[in-house]
Amino acid sequence: MQPRPIEVEVIGRKIILKMPKNEADVKFVLTLRYSKWKREGYFWEIPHYPGNLERIQQHFGDRLGSIVRHEITTIASTNSQPRKVEKNQVLVIKTRSGRIKLIYGYNPALNKTIKTIPYYHRDQNNNWWTSPFSDQFLEEVKRKIEELGLTLIFEEEEKNTHVVAKVSPYDIPNYRKCPDEYVHKLEERRYSVGTIKAYVPLFEEFINYF
């Protein structure tokens, strides 16, 4: 029996790594700063810092089965109004902030499916579930709802038309720009121009945040 392939999912600023237990691989993962083992989901959570994804690809090589990128945002929804649904219904709402909210009655089978999605959250006060939005996650939930013979009601929150423009880095006091040494290091490693342009803003966001 061949070992199962290594799976990688990129979810916003985090990398999800699913792999068979292997001492050498675990030692490698621990060299990636701030990596964590998430016992509830049986995966490694690794910050999507510049260079981490490339190091993972280089380490696992041909053993790497797939890399799935989810274009999502992980900001919680601001809409806190509860909704009532019938016993055989599941209300799925795509929120303005890029998550999906699921409202339904007691159903352990559906709960189990939602718990397989990274970064799911159970809101005990409002009695609903939320998870990051991606087409893949939504399809998994839809399949389970259909399998259970339930009725899906899908809605999207209206977009907020009063969005405040993003502040320019030049409006931030003492804004720290990406050091030239970091750019030169990426060039030495023969990263493409497009990759460098994508990494520089991420690095600046990181150093200014911390």
Protein backbone atom coordinates (compact mmCIF):
# COMPACT_ATOMS: atom_id res chain seq x y z
CA MET A 1 0.00 0.00 0.00
CA GLN A 2 1.40 3.37 -1.03
CA PRO A 3 1.46 6.12 1.60
CA ARG A 4 -1.18 8.77 1.10
CA PRO A 5 0.08 11.95 -0.59
CA ILE A 6 0.82 15.12 1.32
CA GLU A 7 -1.97 17.71 1.00
CA VAL A 8 -1.53 21.46 1.29
CA GLU A 9 -4.24 24.11 1.52
CA VAL A 10 -3.51 27.84 1.50
CA ILE A 11 -6.21 29.68 3.42
CA GLY A 12 -5.56 33.40 3.60
CA ARG A 13 -2.47 33.91 5.74
CA LYS A 14 -2.22 30.29 6.87
CA ILE A 15 -1.01 27.05 5.27
CA ILE A 16 -2.74 23.80 6.21
CA LEU A 17 -0.50 20.74 5.89
CA LYS A 18 -1.91 17.20 6.09
CA MET A 19 0.64 14.40 6.04
CA PRO A 20 1.26 10.89 7.39
CA LYS A 21 3.24 10.76 10.63
CA ASN A 22 6.96 10.79 9.83
CA GLU A 23 9.70 11.87 12.23
CA ALA A 24 11.86 13.53 9.56
CA ASP A 25 8.90 15.46 8.16
CA VAL A 26 7.83 16.59 11.63
CA LYS A 27 11.33 17.91 12.31
CA PHE A 28 11.18 19.85 9.06
CA VAL A 29 7.78 21.38 9.89
CA LEU A 30 9.09 22.49 13.28
CA THR A 31 11.78 24.51 11.52
CA LEU A 32 9.00 26.71 10.09
CA ARG A 33 8.46 29.39 12.73
CA TYR A 34 5.16 29.38 14.62
CA SER A 35 3.97 26.11 13.08
CA LYS A 36 1.35 24.35 15.24
CA TRP A 37 -0.17 20.88 15.34
CA LYS A 38 -3.99 21.19 15.38
CA ARG A 39 -5.20 18.04 17.06
CA GLU A 40 -8.89 18.67 16.43
CA GLY A 41 -8.35 18.71 12.66
CA TYR A 42 -5.29 16.41 12.40
CA PHE A 43 -3.24 18.93 10.43
CA TRP A 44 -0.32 21.32 10.81
CA GLU A 45 -1.03 25.06 10.72
CA ILE A 46 1.84 27.10 9.29
CA PRO A 47 1.94 30.89 8.79
CA HIS A 48 1.88 31.85 5.11
CA TYR A 49 5.06 33.88 5.47
CA PRO A 50 7.15 34.59 2.35
CA GLY A 51 9.12 31.49 1.40
CA ASN A 52 7.26 28.97 3.58
CA LEU A 53 5.18 27.49 0.75
CA GLU A 54 8.26 27.13 -1.46
CA ARG A 55 10.18 25.39 1.36
CA ILE A 56 7.31 22.94 1.79
CA GLN A 57 7.26 22.20 -1.95
CA GLN A 58 11.01 21.70 -2.01
CA HIS A 59 11.03 19.41 1.03
CA PHE A 60 8.20 17.08 -0.03
CA GLY A 61 8.91 17.09 -3.77
CA ASP A 62 7.06 14.32 -5.61
CA ARG A 63 5.28 13.26 -2.41
CA LEU A 64 3.23 16.45 -2.52
CA GLY A 65 -0.19 15.47 -3.83
CA SER A 66 -2.01 18.78 -4.18
CA ILE A 67 -1.97 22.47 -3.30
CA VAL A 68 -5.40 24.06 -2.98
CA ARG A 69 -5.64 27.83 -2.64
CA HIS A 70 -8.75 29.29 -1.04
CA GLU A 71 -9.32 32.98 -1.74
CA ILE A 72 -10.97 33.98 1.52
CA THR A 73 -11.04 36.49 4.32
CA THR A 74 -11.38 35.45 7.95
CA ILE A 75 -13.07 38.52 9.45
CA ALA A 76 -16.19 37.57 11.39
CA SER A 77 -19.58 38.73 10.17
CA THR A 78 -21.01 41.88 11.72
CA ASN A 79 -24.60 40.70 11.29
CA SER A 80 -25.71 39.27 14.64
CA GLN A 81 -29.44 38.93 14.02
CA PRO A 82 -30.65 35.33 14.55
CA ARG A 83 -32.72 33.58 11.90
CA LYS A 84 -35.30 30.83 12.36
CA VAL A 85 -35.52 27.88 9.97
CA GLU A 86 -37.73 24.81 9.74
CA LYS A 87 -36.59 21.44 11.05
CA ASN A 88 -35.76 20.09 7.57
CA GLN A 89 -34.06 23.29 6.37
CA VAL A 90 -30.48 24.55 6.42
CA LEU A 91 -29.96 28.27 5.92
CA VAL A 92 -26.54 29.06 4.41
CA ILE A 93 -25.56 32.72 4.26
CA LYS A 94 -22.49 34.08 2.49
CA THR A 95 -21.54 37.05 4.64
CA ARG A 96 -20.13 40.37 3.49
CA SER A 97 -16.84 39.54 5.19
CA GLY A 98 -16.27 36.36 3.20
CA ARG A 99 -17.47 33.61 5.55
CA ILE A 100 -20.43 31.26 5.37
CA LYS A 101 -22.93 31.11 8.20
CA LEU A 102 -25.00 27.94 8.70
CA ILE A 103 -28.23 27.93 10.68
CA TYR A 104 -30.14 24.70 11.27
CA GLY A 105 -31.58 22.44 13.94
CA TYR A 106 -29.77 19.71 15.86
CA ASN A 107 -27.94 17.47 13.34
CA PRO A 108 -24.79 15.60 14.46
CA ALA A 109 -24.04 14.35 10.91
CA LEU A 110 -23.92 17.87 9.50
CA ASN A 111 -21.95 19.06 12.53
CA LYS A 112 -19.31 16.43 11.77
CA THR A 113 -18.93 17.65 8.18
CA ILE A 114 -18.51 21.27 9.26
CA LYS A 115 -15.82 20.25 11.76
CA THR A 116 -13.68 18.97 8.87
CA ILE A 117 -13.39 22.54 7.53
CA PRO A 118 -10.38 24.42 8.92
CA TYR A 119 -11.22 27.42 11.13
CA TYR A 120 -14.86 26.58 11.64
CA HIS A 121 -16.50 28.32 14.60
CA ARG A 122 -19.54 27.48 16.70
CA ASP A 123 -21.39 30.55 18.01
CA GLN A 124 -23.06 29.21 21.13
CA ASN A 125 -24.95 32.43 21.86
CA ASN A 126 -26.62 32.68 18.45
CA ASN A 127 -26.77 28.92 17.79
CA TRP A 128 -25.10 28.92 14.37
CA TRP A 129 -21.86 27.77 12.73
CA THR A 130 -19.48 29.78 10.56
CA SER A 131 -16.51 28.80 8.40
CA PRO A 132 -14.26 30.48 5.84
CA PHE A 133 -15.91 30.77 2.44
CA SER A 134 -14.55 28.99 -0.61
CA ASP A 135 -16.30 27.23 -3.48
CA GLN A 136 -14.84 23.92 -2.30
CA PHE A 137 -16.10 24.30 1.28
CA LEU A 138 -19.54 25.36 0.06
CA GLU A 139 -19.81 22.35 -2.27
CA GLU A 140 -18.87 19.97 0.56
CA VAL A 141 -21.64 21.41 2.73
CA LYS A 142 -24.16 21.29 -0.14
CA ARG A 143 -23.38 17.62 -0.83
CA LYS A 144 -23.90 16.70 2.81
CA ILE A 145 -27.19 18.62 3.01
CA GLU A 146 -28.46 16.82 -0.10
CA GLU A 147 -27.28 13.45 1.25
CA LEU A 148 -29.23 14.03 4.47
CA GLY A 149 -32.38 14.90 2.54
CA LEU A 150 -32.51 18.45 3.89
CA THR A 151 -33.57 21.62 2.07
CA LEU A 152 -30.86 24.19 1.37
CA ILE A 153 -31.69 27.90 1.51
CA PHE A 154 -28.80 30.00 0.22
CA GLU A 155 -28.54 33.76 0.69
CA GLU A 156 -25.88 36.44 0.34
CA GLU A 157 -25.62 39.46 2.59
CA GLU A 158 -25.85 42.78 0.79
CA LYS A 159 -22.52 44.44 0.21
CA ASN A 160 -21.70 47.40 2.39
CA THR A 161 -21.70 50.47 0.18
CA HIS A 162 -20.16 52.63 2.90
CA VAL A 163 -16.73 51.07 2.86
CA VAL A 164 -13.89 53.24 4.08
CA ALA A 165 -10.94 53.36 1.68
CA LYS A 166 -7.85 51.48 2.76
CA VAL A 167 -5.24 53.69 4.38
CA SER A 168 -2.10 54.15 2.33
CA PRO A 169 1.17 52.98 3.91
CA TYR A 170 2.37 56.56 3.54
CA ASP A 171 -0.40 57.67 5.90
CA ILE A 172 0.96 55.45 8.68
CA PRO A 173 3.52 57.10 10.99
CA ASN A 174 6.93 55.37 11.02
CA TYR A 175 5.88 52.92 8.29
CA ARG A 176 8.66 50.38 7.77
CA LYS A 177 9.37 49.47 4.16
CA CYS A 178 10.77 46.14 3.05
CA PRO A 179 14.59 46.14 3.44
CA ASP A 180 16.58 45.93 0.21
CA GLU A 181 18.48 43.00 1.70
CA TYR A 182 15.29 40.93 1.77
CA VAL A 183 14.60 41.66 -1.91
CA HIS A 184 18.18 40.83 -2.84
CA LYS A 185 17.90 37.54 -0.96
CA LEU A 186 14.82 36.57 -2.98
CA GLU A 187 16.66 37.52 -6.19
CA GLU A 188 19.62 35.36 -5.16
CA ARG A 189 17.23 32.44 -4.74
CA ARG A 190 15.97 33.13 -8.27
CA TYR A 191 12.40 33.98 -7.35
CA SER A 192 10.43 35.38 -10.26
CA VAL A 193 9.70 39.11 -10.51
CA GLY A 194 5.98 38.42 -9.98
CA THR A 195 6.66 36.38 -6.82
CA ILE A 196 8.88 39.11 -5.38
CA LYS A 197 6.24 41.76 -6.07
CA ALA A 198 3.67 39.59 -4.27
CA TYR A 199 5.91 38.88 -1.27
CA VAL A 200 7.16 42.42 -0.57
CA PRO A 201 3.72 43.79 0.52
CA LEU A 202 3.13 40.69 2.68
CA PHE A 203 6.49 41.15 4.37
CA GLU A 204 5.85 44.86 4.95
CA GLU A 205 2.44 44.08 6.42
CA PHE A 206 4.04 41.53 8.75
CA ILE A 207 6.86 43.77 10.04
CA ASN A 208 4.52 46.72 10.54
CA TYR A 209 1.97 44.59 12.37
CA PHE A 210 4.49 43.22 14.85
